[in-house]
Amino acid sequence: MSQMLAFAFPMGAEWIVIGALGLLIFGKRLPDVGKGIGAAIRNFKTGLKGVEEEIEEASDAPPAARITERTAATAPAANADHNFDPVTGKPIEKTKFDPYTGKPVTEGTAAS
């Protein structure tokens, strides 16, 4: 039972002691500290409202629009000329082919 009393909420006289300690520690800065805490809480609530509005806007959009927005933001560049080996992480060299003959083209050979 004594363990439960150790975690109880402060009652009347304990709040007075807590307030007195707050005045001693913060002194004349106490109103500024209160304003800062209030501003922080207000900014937090406006941030939450902004996130809620973004979620509502995204859920109201048609599914096709959501997919294209998501893939446009996360898709790799379409002009990527290289791939990477998943084991070594080194670029994989692609063999270039002559479009007319279909044969591999070497670096020294000029295509005509």
PDB file of N, CA and C in Angstrom:
ATOM      1  N   MET A   1       0.820  -1.193   0.000  1.00  0.00           N
ATOM      2  CA  MET A   1       0.000   0.000   0.000  1.00  0.00           C
ATOM      3  C   MET A   1       0.864   1.258   0.000  1.00  0.00           C
ATOM      4  N   SER A   2       2.008   1.206   0.704  1.00  0.00           N
ATOM      5  CA  SER A   2       2.864   2.391   0.760  1.00  0.00           C
ATOM      6  C   SER A   2       3.483   2.700  -0.603  1.00  0.00           C
ATOM      7  N   GLN A   3       3.642   1.676  -1.452  1.00  0.00           N
ATOM      8  CA  GLN A   3       4.179   1.910  -2.781  1.00  0.00           C
ATOM      9  C   GLN A   3       3.189   2.687  -3.639  1.00  0.00           C
ATOM     10  N   MET A   4       1.927   2.445  -3.466  1.00  0.00           N
ATOM     11  CA  MET A   4       0.920   3.172  -4.231  1.00  0.00           C
ATOM     12  C   MET A   4       0.865   4.626  -3.799  1.00  0.00           C
ATOM     13  N   LEU A   5       1.083   4.915  -2.539  1.00  0.00           N
ATOM     14  CA  LEU A   5       1.038   6.289  -2.063  1.00  0.00           C
ATOM     15  C   LEU A   5       2.228   7.088  -2.570  1.00  0.00           C
ATOM     16  N   ALA A   6       3.320   6.439  -2.883  1.00  0.00           N
ATOM     17  CA  ALA A   6       4.496   7.141  -3.374  1.00  0.00           C
ATOM     18  C   ALA A   6       4.255   7.732  -4.767  1.00  0.00           C
ATOM     19  N   PHE A   7       3.331   7.162  -5.523  1.00  0.00           N
ATOM     20  CA  PHE A   7       3.061   7.647  -6.875  1.00  0.00           C
ATOM     21  C   PHE A   7       1.747   8.411  -6.972  1.00  0.00           C
ATOM     22  N   ALA A   8       1.199   8.858  -5.860  1.00  0.00           N
ATOM     23  CA  ALA A   8      -0.069   9.591  -5.866  1.00  0.00           C
ATOM     24  C   ALA A   8       0.166  11.012  -6.371  1.00  0.00           C
ATOM     25  N   PHE A   9      -0.897  11.641  -6.828  1.00  0.00           N
ATOM     26  CA  PHE A   9      -0.815  13.014  -7.298  1.00  0.00           C
ATOM     27  C   PHE A   9      -0.665  13.958  -6.110  1.00  0.00           C
ATOM     28  N   PRO A  10      -0.008  15.117  -6.313  1.00  0.00           N
ATOM     29  CA  PRO A  10       0.133  16.072  -5.214  1.00  0.00           C
ATOM     30  C   PRO A  10      -1.221  16.643  -4.815  1.00  0.00           C
ATOM     31  N   MET A  11      -1.376  16.890  -3.514  1.00  0.00           N
ATOM     32  CA  MET A  11      -2.608  17.484  -2.996  1.00  0.00           C
ATOM     33  C   MET A  11      -2.329  18.938  -2.610  1.00  0.00           C
ATOM     34  N   GLY A  12      -3.215  19.574  -1.885  1.00  0.00           N
ATOM     35  CA  GLY A  12      -3.186  21.013  -1.587  1.00  0.00           C
ATOM     36  C   GLY A  12      -1.856  21.568  -1.136  1.00  0.00           C
ATOM     37  N   ALA A  13      -1.317  21.130  -0.019  1.00  0.00           N
ATOM     38  CA  ALA A  13      -0.075  21.691   0.518  1.00  0.00           C
ATOM     39  C   ALA A  13       1.101  21.391  -0.397  1.00  0.00           C
ATOM     40  N   GLU A  14       1.086  20.266  -1.052  1.00  0.00           N
ATOM     41  CA  GLU A  14       2.185  19.913  -1.944  1.00  0.00           C
ATOM     42  C   GLU A  14       2.231  20.847  -3.152  1.00  0.00           C
ATOM     43  N   TRP A  15       1.082  21.270  -3.635  1.00  0.00           N
ATOM     44  CA  TRP A  15       1.041  22.220  -4.744  1.00  0.00           C
ATOM     45  C   TRP A  15       1.616  23.562  -4.315  1.00  0.00           C
ATOM     46  N   ILE A  16       1.380  23.953  -3.083  1.00  0.00           N
ATOM     47  CA  ILE A  16       1.936  25.208  -2.587  1.00  0.00           C
ATOM     48  C   ILE A  16       3.462  25.132  -2.566  1.00  0.00           C
ATOM     49  N   VAL A  17       4.003  24.006  -2.137  1.00  0.00           N
ATOM     50  CA  VAL A  17       5.452  23.825  -2.116  1.00  0.00           C
ATOM     51  C   VAL A  17       6.001  23.839  -3.541  1.00  0.00           C
ATOM     52  N   ILE A  18       5.322  23.183  -4.449  1.00  0.00           N
ATOM     53  CA  ILE A  18       5.757  23.170  -5.850  1.00  0.00           C
ATOM     54  C   ILE A  18       5.731  24.579  -6.426  1.00  0.00           C
ATOM     55  N   GLY A  19       4.683  25.335  -6.135  1.00  0.00           N
ATOM     56  CA  GLY A  19       4.599  26.722  -6.607  1.00  0.00           C
ATOM     57  C   GLY A  19       5.699  27.586  -6.036  1.00  0.00           C
ATOM     58  N   ALA A  20       5.995  27.434  -4.742  1.00  0.00           N
ATOM     59  CA  ALA A  20       7.064  28.215  -4.108  1.00  0.00           C
ATOM     60  C   ALA A  20       8.413  27.887  -4.739  1.00  0.00           C
ATOM     61  N   LEU A  21       8.658  26.604  -5.014  1.00  0.00           N
ATOM     62  CA  LEU A  21       9.906  26.222  -5.677  1.00  0.00           C
ATOM     63  C   LEU A  21       9.980  26.815  -7.085  1.00  0.00           C
ATOM     64  N   GLY A  22       8.853  26.836  -7.777  1.00  0.00           N
ATOM     65  CA  GLY A  22       8.819  27.441  -9.113  1.00  0.00           C
ATOM     66  C   GLY A  22       9.148  28.913  -9.070  1.00  0.00           C
ATOM     67  N   LEU A  23       8.611  29.637  -8.059  1.00  0.00           N
ATOM     68  CA  LEU A  23       8.928  31.057  -7.920  1.00  0.00           C
ATOM     69  C   LEU A  23      10.401  31.264  -7.592  1.00  0.00           C
ATOM     70  N   LEU A  24      10.953  30.421  -6.751  1.00  0.00           N
ATOM     71  CA  LEU A  24      12.363  30.559  -6.402  1.00  0.00           C
ATOM     72  C   LEU A  24      13.272  30.290  -7.602  1.00  0.00           C
ATOM     73  N   ILE A  25      12.919  29.291  -8.390  1.00  0.00           N
ATOM     74  CA  ILE A  25      13.775  28.921  -9.519  1.00  0.00           C
ATOM     75  C   ILE A  25      13.642  29.925 -10.658  1.00  0.00           C
ATOM     76  N   PHE A  26      12.403  30.260 -11.042  1.00  0.00           N
ATOM     77  CA  PHE A  26      12.193  31.104 -12.210  1.00  0.00           C
ATOM     78  C   PHE A  26      12.079  32.583 -11.862  1.00  0.00           C
ATOM     79  N   GLY A  27      11.587  32.916 -10.689  1.00  0.00           N
ATOM     80  CA  GLY A  27      11.493  34.306 -10.244  1.00  0.00           C
ATOM     81  C   GLY A  27      10.700  35.173 -11.187  1.00  0.00           C
ATOM     82  N   LYS A  28      11.338  36.250 -11.657  1.00  0.00           N
ATOM     83  CA  LYS A  28      10.654  37.216 -12.519  1.00  0.00           C
ATOM     84  C   LYS A  28      10.424  36.679 -13.925  1.00  0.00           C
ATOM     85  N   ARG A  29      11.109  35.618 -14.271  1.00  0.00           N
ATOM     86  CA  ARG A  29      10.962  35.041 -15.612  1.00  0.00           C
ATOM     87  C   ARG A  29       9.749  34.130 -15.720  1.00  0.00           C
ATOM     88  N   LEU A  30       9.041  33.892 -14.626  1.00  0.00           N
ATOM     89  CA  LEU A  30       7.914  32.952 -14.635  1.00  0.00           C
ATOM     90  C   LEU A  30       6.838  33.326 -15.656  1.00  0.00           C
ATOM     91  N   PRO A  31       6.439  34.605 -15.805  1.00  0.00           N
ATOM     92  CA  PRO A  31       5.453  34.927 -16.850  1.00  0.00           C
ATOM     93  C   PRO A  31       5.968  34.614 -18.258  1.00  0.00           C
ATOM     94  N   ASP A  32       7.255  34.870 -18.479  1.00  0.00           N
ATOM     95  CA  ASP A  32       7.825  34.571 -19.798  1.00  0.00           C
ATOM     96  C   ASP A  32       7.844  33.072 -20.060  1.00  0.00           C
ATOM     97  N   VAL A  33       8.140  32.294 -19.032  1.00  0.00           N
ATOM     98  CA  VAL A  33       8.135  30.837 -19.172  1.00  0.00           C
ATOM     99  C   VAL A  33       6.722  30.362 -19.492  1.00  0.00           C
ATOM    100  N   GLY A  34       5.722  30.917 -18.814  1.00  0.00           N
ATOM    101  CA  GLY A  34       4.325  30.555 -19.090  1.00  0.00           C
ATOM    102  C   GLY A  34       3.918  30.904 -20.509  1.00  0.00           C
ATOM    103  N   LYS A  35       4.338  32.092 -20.975  1.00  0.00           N
ATOM    104  CA  LYS A  35       4.020  32.493 -22.350  1.00  0.00           C
ATOM    105  C   LYS A  35       4.682  31.560 -23.356  1.00  0.00           C
ATOM    106  N   GLY A  36       5.919  31.180 -23.066  1.00  0.00           N
ATOM    107  CA  GLY A  36       6.638  30.268 -23.964  1.00  0.00           C
ATOM    108  C   GLY A  36       5.972  28.904 -24.032  1.00  0.00           C
ATOM    109  N   ILE A  37       5.547  28.404 -22.882  1.00  0.00           N
ATOM    110  CA  ILE A  37       4.859  27.101 -22.856  1.00  0.00           C
ATOM    111  C   ILE A  37       3.530  27.195 -23.595  1.00  0.00           C
ATOM    112  N   GLY A  38       2.810  28.293 -23.384  1.00  0.00           N
ATOM    113  CA  GLY A  38       1.536  28.477 -24.095  1.00  0.00           C
ATOM    114  C   GLY A  38       1.729  28.561 -25.602  1.00  0.00           C
ATOM    115  N   ALA A  39       2.760  29.273 -26.043  1.00  0.00           N
ATOM    116  CA  ALA A  39       3.037  29.383 -27.478  1.00  0.00           C
ATOM    117  C   ALA A  39       3.426  28.028 -28.058  1.00  0.00           C
ATOM    118  N   ALA A  40       4.192  27.251 -27.303  1.00  0.00           N
ATOM    119  CA  ALA A  40       4.587  25.921 -27.782  1.00  0.00           C
ATOM    120  C   ALA A  40       3.374  25.018 -27.937  1.00  0.00           C
ATOM    121  N   ILE A  41       2.463  25.064 -26.979  1.00  0.00           N
ATOM    122  CA  ILE A  41       1.247  24.242 -27.061  1.00  0.00           C
ATOM    123  C   ILE A  41       0.395  24.688 -28.245  1.00  0.00           C
ATOM    124  N   ARG A  42       0.282  26.009 -28.450  1.00  0.00           N
ATOM    125  CA  ARG A  42      -0.517  26.537 -29.557  1.00  0.00           C
ATOM    126  C   ARG A  42       0.076  26.111 -30.901  1.00  0.00           C
ATOM    127  N   ASN A  43       1.403  26.196 -31.043  1.00  0.00           N
ATOM    128  CA  ASN A  43       2.056  25.770 -32.288  1.00  0.00           C
ATOM    129  C   ASN A  43       1.882  24.281 -32.530  1.00  0.00           C
ATOM    130  N   PHE A  44       1.939  23.499 -31.468  1.00  0.00           N
ATOM    131  CA  PHE A  44       1.739  22.057 -31.596  1.00  0.00           C
ATOM    132  C   PHE A  44       0.331  21.745 -32.096  1.00  0.00           C
ATOM    133  N   LYS A  45      -0.671  22.429 -31.549  1.00  0.00           N
ATOM    134  CA  LYS A  45      -2.053  22.189 -31.978  1.00  0.00           C
ATOM    135  C   LYS A  45      -2.276  22.619 -33.428  1.00  0.00           C
ATOM    136  N   THR A  46      -1.691  23.745 -33.839  1.00  0.00           N
ATOM    137  CA  THR A  46      -1.857  24.156 -35.242  1.00  0.00           C
ATOM    138  C   THR A  46      -1.143  23.192 -36.182  1.00  0.00           C
ATOM    139  N   GLY A  47      -0.021  22.642 -35.744  1.00  0.00           N
ATOM    140  CA  GLY A  47       0.664  21.633 -36.555  1.00  0.00           C
ATOM    141  C   GLY A  47      -0.171  20.380 -36.714  1.00  0.00           C
ATOM    142  N   LEU A  48      -0.824  19.961 -35.643  1.00  0.00           N
ATOM    143  CA  LEU A  48      -1.701  18.787 -35.728  1.00  0.00           C
ATOM    144  C   LEU A  48      -2.876  19.045 -36.661  1.00  0.00           C
ATOM    145  N   LYS A  49      -3.437  20.245 -36.601  1.00  0.00           N
ATOM    146  CA  LYS A  49      -4.558  20.561 -37.490  1.00  0.00           C
ATOM    147  C   LYS A  49      -4.117  20.545 -38.949  1.00  0.00           C
ATOM    148  N   GLY A  50      -2.897  21.048 -39.211  1.00  0.00           N
ATOM    149  CA  GLY A  50      -2.371  21.032 -40.577  1.00  0.00           C
ATOM    150  C   GLY A  50      -2.200  19.617 -41.095  1.00  0.00           C
ATOM    151  N   VAL A  51      -1.728  18.721 -40.250  1.00  0.00           N
ATOM    152  CA  VAL A  51      -1.558  17.329 -40.654  1.00  0.00           C
ATOM    153  C   VAL A  51      -2.922  16.694 -40.894  1.00  0.00           C
ATOM    154  N   GLU A  52      -3.886  16.987 -40.033  1.00  0.00           N
ATOM    155  CA  GLU A  52      -5.232  16.428 -40.216  1.00  0.00           C
ATOM    156  C   GLU A  52      -5.835  16.912 -41.530  1.00  0.00           C
ATOM    157  N   GLU A  53      -5.622  18.204 -41.872  1.00  0.00           N
ATOM    158  CA  GLU A  53      -6.164  18.723 -43.129  1.00  0.00           C
ATOM    159  C   GLU A  53      -5.510  18.046 -44.330  1.00  0.00           C
ATOM    160  N   GLU A  54      -4.198  17.800 -44.260  1.00  0.00           N
ATOM    161  CA  GLU A  54      -3.519  17.114 -45.364  1.00  0.00           C
ATOM    162  C   GLU A  54      -4.052  15.697 -45.536  1.00  0.00           C
ATOM    163  N   ILE A  55      -4.312  15.021 -44.428  1.00  0.00           N
ATOM    164  CA  ILE A  55      -4.846  13.660 -44.502  1.00  0.00           C
ATOM    165  C   ILE A  55      -6.239  13.676 -45.113  1.00  0.00           C
ATOM    166  N   GLU A  56      -7.064  14.644 -44.703  1.00  0.00           N
ATOM    167  CA  GLU A  56      -8.419  14.732 -45.265  1.00  0.00           C
ATOM    168  C   GLU A  56      -8.371  15.038 -46.758  1.00  0.00           C
ATOM    169  N   GLU A  57      -7.472  15.948 -47.175  1.00  0.00           N
ATOM    170  CA  GLU A  57      -7.361  16.268 -48.597  1.00  0.00           C
ATOM    171  C   GLU A  57      -6.901  15.060 -49.400  1.00  0.00           C
ATOM    172  N   ALA A  58      -5.975  14.300 -48.848  1.00  0.00           N
ATOM    173  CA  ALA A  58      -5.484  13.119 -49.554  1.00  0.00           C
ATOM    174  C   ALA A  58      -6.553  12.048 -49.645  1.00  0.00           C
ATOM    175  N   SER A  59      -7.380  11.923 -48.618  1.00  0.00           N
ATOM    176  CA  SER A  59      -8.424  10.895 -48.657  1.00  0.00           C
ATOM    177  C   SER A  59      -9.576  11.302 -49.566  1.00  0.00           C
ATOM    178  N   ASP A  60      -9.757  12.623 -49.786  1.00  0.00           N
ATOM    179  CA  ASP A  60     -10.816  13.085 -50.674  1.00  0.00           C
ATOM    180  C   ASP A  60     -10.426  12.982 -52.142  1.00  0.00           C
ATOM    181  N   ALA A  61      -9.127  12.930 -52.443  1.00  0.00           N
ATOM    182  CA  ALA A  61      -8.668  12.850 -53.826  1.00  0.00           C
ATOM    183  C   ALA A  61      -9.006  11.476 -54.404  1.00  0.00           C
ATOM    184  N   PRO A  62      -9.270  11.415 -55.710  1.00  0.00           N
ATOM    185  CA  PRO A  62      -9.550  10.111 -56.327  1.00  0.00           C
ATOM    186  C   PRO A  62      -8.306   9.215 -56.248  1.00  0.00           C
ATOM    187  N   PRO A  63      -8.509   7.903 -56.216  1.00  0.00           N
ATOM    188  CA  PRO A  63      -7.372   6.985 -56.071  1.00  0.00           C
ATOM    189  C   PRO A  63      -6.313   7.136 -57.154  1.00  0.00           C
ATOM    190  N   ALA A  64      -6.699   7.386 -58.401  1.00  0.00           N
ATOM    191  CA  ALA A  64      -5.716   7.513 -59.479  1.00  0.00           C
ATOM    192  C   ALA A  64      -4.808   8.711 -59.236  1.00  0.00           C
ATOM    193  N   ALA A  65      -5.366   9.809 -58.749  1.00  0.00           N
ATOM    194  CA  ALA A  65      -4.554  10.996 -58.483  1.00  0.00           C
ATOM    195  C   ALA A  65      -3.579  10.735 -57.347  1.00  0.00           C
ATOM    196  N   ARG A  66      -4.008   9.987 -56.327  1.00  0.00           N
ATOM    197  CA  ARG A  66      -3.116   9.682 -55.208  1.00  0.00           C
ATOM    198  C   ARG A  66      -1.956   8.824 -55.679  1.00  0.00           C
ATOM    199  N   ILE A  67      -2.231   7.874 -56.578  1.00  0.00           N
ATOM    200  CA  ILE A  67      -1.168   6.982 -57.057  1.00  0.00           C
ATOM    201  C   ILE A  67      -0.162   7.758 -57.882  1.00  0.00           C
ATOM    202  N   THR A  68      -0.625   8.636 -58.782  1.00  0.00           N
ATOM    203  CA  THR A  68       0.307   9.375 -59.617  1.00  0.00           C
ATOM    204  C   THR A  68       1.129  10.351 -58.791  1.00  0.00           C
ATOM    205  N   GLU A  69       0.539  10.973 -57.772  1.00  0.00           N
ATOM    206  CA  GLU A  69       1.300  11.879 -56.917  1.00  0.00           C
ATOM    207  C   GLU A  69       2.370  11.104 -56.166  1.00  0.00           C
ATOM    208  N   ARG A  70       2.017   9.938 -55.640  1.00  0.00           N
ATOM    209  CA  ARG A  70       2.957   9.149 -54.847  1.00  0.00           C
ATOM    210  C   ARG A  70       4.087   8.639 -55.729  1.00  0.00           C
ATOM    211  N   THR A  71       3.768   8.130 -56.920  1.00  0.00           N
ATOM    212  CA  THR A  71       4.815   7.571 -57.775  1.00  0.00           C
ATOM    213  C   THR A  71       5.692   8.669 -58.354  1.00  0.00           C
ATOM    214  N   ALA A  72       5.142   9.841 -58.604  1.00  0.00           N
ATOM    215  CA  ALA A  72       5.954  10.934 -59.124  1.00  0.00           C
ATOM    216  C   ALA A  72       6.974  11.394 -58.101  1.00  0.00           C
ATOM    217  N   ALA A  73       6.599  11.328 -56.838  1.00  0.00           N
ATOM    218  CA  ALA A  73       7.520  11.787 -55.797  1.00  0.00           C
ATOM    219  C   ALA A  73       8.584  10.743 -55.481  1.00  0.00           C
ATOM    220  N   THR A  74       8.255   9.470 -55.617  1.00  0.00           N
ATOM    221  CA  THR A  74       9.194   8.425 -55.203  1.00  0.00           C
ATOM    222  C   THR A  74       9.846   7.696 -56.361  1.00  0.00           C
ATOM    223  N   ALA A  75       9.405   7.919 -57.596  1.00  0.00           N
ATOM    224  CA  ALA A  75       9.947   7.188 -58.737  1.00  0.00           C
ATOM    225  C   ALA A  75      11.358   7.682 -59.054  1.00  0.00           C
ATOM    226  N   PRO A  76      12.247   6.787 -59.448  1.00  0.00           N
ATOM    227  CA  PRO A  76      13.589   7.221 -59.848  1.00  0.00           C
ATOM    228  C   PRO A  76      13.533   7.951 -61.178  1.00  0.00           C
ATOM    229  N   ALA A  77      14.575   8.642 -61.497  1.00  0.00           N
ATOM    230  CA  ALA A  77      14.622   9.396 -62.743  1.00  0.00           C
ATOM    231  C   ALA A  77      14.479   8.447 -63.926  1.00  0.00           C
ATOM    232  N   ALA A  78      13.720   8.868 -64.931  1.00  0.00           N
ATOM    233  CA  ALA A  78      13.464   8.013 -66.084  1.00  0.00           C
ATOM    234  C   ALA A  78      14.704   7.882 -66.968  1.00  0.00           C
ATOM    235  N   ASN A  79      15.608   8.852 -66.915  1.00  0.00           N
ATOM    236  CA  ASN A  79      16.784   8.840 -67.766  1.00  0.00           C
ATOM    237  C   ASN A  79      17.982   8.182 -67.106  1.00  0.00           C
ATOM    238  N   ALA A  80      17.781   7.395 -66.089  1.00  0.00           N
ATOM    239  CA  ALA A  80      18.905   6.760 -65.406  1.00  0.00           C
ATOM    240  C   ALA A  80      19.549   5.758 -66.350  1.00  0.00           C
ATOM    241  N   ASP A  81      20.854   5.970 -66.655  1.00  0.00           N
ATOM    242  CA  ASP A  81      21.577   5.106 -67.577  1.00  0.00           C
ATOM    243  C   ASP A  81      22.326   3.999 -66.857  1.00  0.00           C
ATOM    244  N   HIS A  82      22.163   3.874 -65.577  1.00  0.00           N
ATOM    245  CA  HIS A  82      22.918   2.877 -64.848  1.00  0.00           C
ATOM    246  C   HIS A  82      22.042   2.197 -63.804  1.00  0.00           C
ATOM    247  N   ASN A  83      22.393   0.971 -63.548  1.00  0.00           N
ATOM    248  CA  ASN A  83      21.792   0.200 -62.469  1.00  0.00           C
ATOM    249  C   ASN A  83      22.915  -0.222 -61.555  1.00  0.00           C
ATOM    250  N   PHE A  84      22.577  -0.633 -60.354  1.00  0.00           N
ATOM    251  CA  PHE A  84      23.591  -1.024 -59.398  1.00  0.00           C
ATOM    252  C   PHE A  84      23.401  -2.476 -59.001  1.00  0.00           C
ATOM    253  N   ASP A  85      24.513  -3.151 -58.808  1.00  0.00           N
ATOM    254  CA  ASP A  85      24.499  -4.528 -58.341  1.00  0.00           C
ATOM    255  C   ASP A  85      24.042  -4.530 -56.886  1.00  0.00           C
ATOM    256  N   PRO A  86      22.999  -5.299 -56.545  1.00  0.00           N
ATOM    257  CA  PRO A  86      22.502  -5.261 -55.169  1.00  0.00           C
ATOM    258  C   PRO A  86      23.474  -5.833 -54.150  1.00  0.00           C
ATOM    259  N   VAL A  87      24.411  -6.668 -54.577  1.00  0.00           N
ATOM    260  CA  VAL A  87      25.351  -7.273 -53.637  1.00  0.00           C
ATOM    261  C   VAL A  87      26.537  -6.355 -53.390  1.00  0.00           C
ATOM    262  N   THR A  88      27.166  -5.888 -54.479  1.00  0.00           N
ATOM    263  CA  THR A  88      28.372  -5.082 -54.327  1.00  0.00           C
ATOM    264  C   THR A  88      28.091  -3.593 -54.291  1.00  0.00           C
ATOM    265  N   GLY A  89      26.996  -3.158 -54.868  1.00  0.00           N
ATOM    266  CA  GLY A  89      26.678  -1.740 -54.914  1.00  0.00           C
ATOM    267  C   GLY A  89      27.382  -1.003 -56.021  1.00  0.00           C
ATOM    268  N   LYS A  90      28.112  -1.718 -56.869  1.00  0.00           N
ATOM    269  CA  LYS A  90      28.840  -1.098 -57.971  1.00  0.00           C
ATOM    270  C   LYS A  90      27.927  -0.978 -59.187  1.00  0.00           C
ATOM    271  N   PRO A  91      28.157   0.026 -60.041  1.00  0.00           N
ATOM    272  CA  PRO A  91      27.322   0.164 -61.237  1.00  0.00           C
ATOM    273  C   PRO A  91      27.495  -1.023 -62.179  1.00  0.00           C
ATOM    274  N   ILE A  92      26.391  -1.419 -62.782  1.00  0.00           N
ATOM    275  CA  ILE A  92      26.419  -2.505 -63.756  1.00  0.00           C
ATOM    276  C   ILE A  92      26.588  -1.870 -65.134  1.00  0.00           C
ATOM    277  N   GLU A  93      27.603  -2.311 -65.865  1.00  0.00           N
ATOM    278  CA  GLU A  93      27.858  -1.785 -67.198  1.00  0.00           C
ATOM    279  C   GLU A  93      26.902  -2.445 -68.182  1.00  0.00           C
ATOM    280  N   LYS A  94      26.206  -1.634 -68.936  1.00  0.00           N
ATOM    281  CA  LYS A  94      25.285  -2.161 -69.935  1.00  0.00           C
ATOM    282  C   LYS A  94      25.991  -2.217 -71.282  1.00  0.00           C
ATOM    283  N   THR A  95      25.746  -3.288 -71.998  1.00  0.00           N
ATOM    284  CA  THR A  95      26.301  -3.429 -73.335  1.00  0.00           C
ATOM    285  C   THR A  95      25.427  -2.647 -74.295  1.00  0.00           C
ATOM    286  N   LYS A  96      26.069  -1.826 -75.124  1.00  0.00           N
ATOM    287  CA  LYS A  96      25.315  -1.047 -76.104  1.00  0.00           C
ATOM    288  C   LYS A  96      25.257  -1.828 -77.404  1.00  0.00           C
ATOM    289  N   PHE A  97      24.111  -1.775 -78.066  1.00  0.00           N
ATOM    290  CA  PHE A  97      23.898  -2.488 -79.315  1.00  0.00           C
ATOM    291  C   PHE A  97      23.642  -1.498 -80.436  1.00  0.00           C
ATOM    292  N   ASP A  98      24.102  -1.891 -81.618  1.00  0.00           N
ATOM    293  CA  ASP A  98      23.837  -1.099 -82.815  1.00  0.00           C
ATOM    294  C   ASP A  98      22.368  -1.295 -83.175  1.00  0.00           C
ATOM    295  N   PRO A  99      21.601  -0.219 -83.333  1.00  0.00           N
ATOM    296  CA  PRO A  99      20.172  -0.378 -83.602  1.00  0.00           C
ATOM    297  C   PRO A  99      19.862  -0.992 -84.964  1.00  0.00           C
ATOM    298  N   TYR A 100      20.820  -0.908 -85.896  1.00  0.00           N
ATOM    299  CA  TYR A 100      20.550  -1.430 -87.231  1.00  0.00           C
ATOM    300  C   TYR A 100      20.922  -2.898 -87.360  1.00  0.00           C
ATOM    301  N   THR A 101      22.054  -3.281 -86.788  1.00  0.00           N
ATOM    302  CA  THR A 101      22.503  -4.662 -86.944  1.00  0.00           C
ATOM    303  C   THR A 101      22.149  -5.525 -85.743  1.00  0.00           C
ATOM    304  N   GLY A 102      21.993  -4.921 -84.583  1.00  0.00           N
ATOM    305  CA  GLY A 102      21.685  -5.690 -83.383  1.00  0.00           C
ATOM    306  C   GLY A 102      22.904  -6.299 -82.736  1.00  0.00           C
ATOM    307  N   LYS A 103      24.090  -5.956 -83.252  1.00  0.00           N
ATOM    308  CA  LYS A 103      25.326  -6.503 -82.698  1.00  0.00           C
ATOM    309  C   LYS A 103      25.855  -5.564 -81.618  1.00  0.00           C
ATOM    310  N   PRO A 104      26.597  -6.110 -80.650  1.00  0.00           N
ATOM    311  CA  PRO A 104      27.181  -5.246 -79.629  1.00  0.00           C
ATOM    312  C   PRO A 104      28.194  -4.278 -80.227  1.00  0.00           C
ATOM    313  N   VAL A 105      28.196  -3.061 -79.705  1.00  0.00           N
ATOM    314  CA  VAL A 105      29.109  -2.035 -80.180  1.00  0.00           C
ATOM    315  C   VAL A 105      30.192  -1.865 -79.138  1.00  0.00           C
ATOM    316  N   THR A 106      31.459  -1.887 -79.579  1.00  0.00           N
ATOM    317  CA  THR A 106      32.570  -1.654 -78.670  1.00  0.00           C
ATOM    318  C   THR A 106      32.827  -0.160 -78.590  1.00  0.00           C
ATOM    319  N   GLU A 107      33.534   0.274 -77.543  1.00  0.00           N
ATOM    320  CA  GLU A 107      33.786   1.704 -77.325  1.00  0.00           C
ATOM    321  C   GLU A 107      34.620   2.307 -78.448  1.00  0.00           C
ATOM    322  N   GLY A 108      35.579   1.570 -78.971  1.00  0.00           N
ATOM    323  CA  GLY A 108      36.474   2.108 -80.003  1.00  0.00           C
ATOM    324  C   GLY A 108      35.826   2.191 -81.366  1.00  0.00           C
ATOM    325  N   THR A 109      34.782   1.424 -81.613  1.00  0.00           N
ATOM    326  CA  THR A 109      34.144   1.382 -82.922  1.00  0.00           C
ATOM    327  C   THR A 109      33.120   2.494 -83.025  1.00  0.00           C
ATOM    328  N   ALA A 110      33.211   3.262 -84.096  1.00  0.00           N
ATOM    329  CA  ALA A 110      32.242   4.325 -84.304  1.00  0.00           C
ATOM    330  C   ALA A 110      31.078   3.767 -85.107  1.00  0.00           C
ATOM    331  N   ALA A 111      29.893   4.056 -84.650  1.00  0.00           N
ATOM    332  CA  ALA A 111      28.700   3.598 -85.371  1.00  0.00           C
ATOM    333  C   ALA A 111      28.472   4.495 -86.574  1.00  0.00           C
ATOM    334  N   SER A 112      28.188   3.882 -87.737  1.00  0.00           N
ATOM    335  CA  SER A 112      27.995   4.680 -88.934  1.00  0.00           C
ATOM    336  C   SER A 112      26.575   4.616 -89.416  1.00  0.00           C
TER     337      SER A 112
END
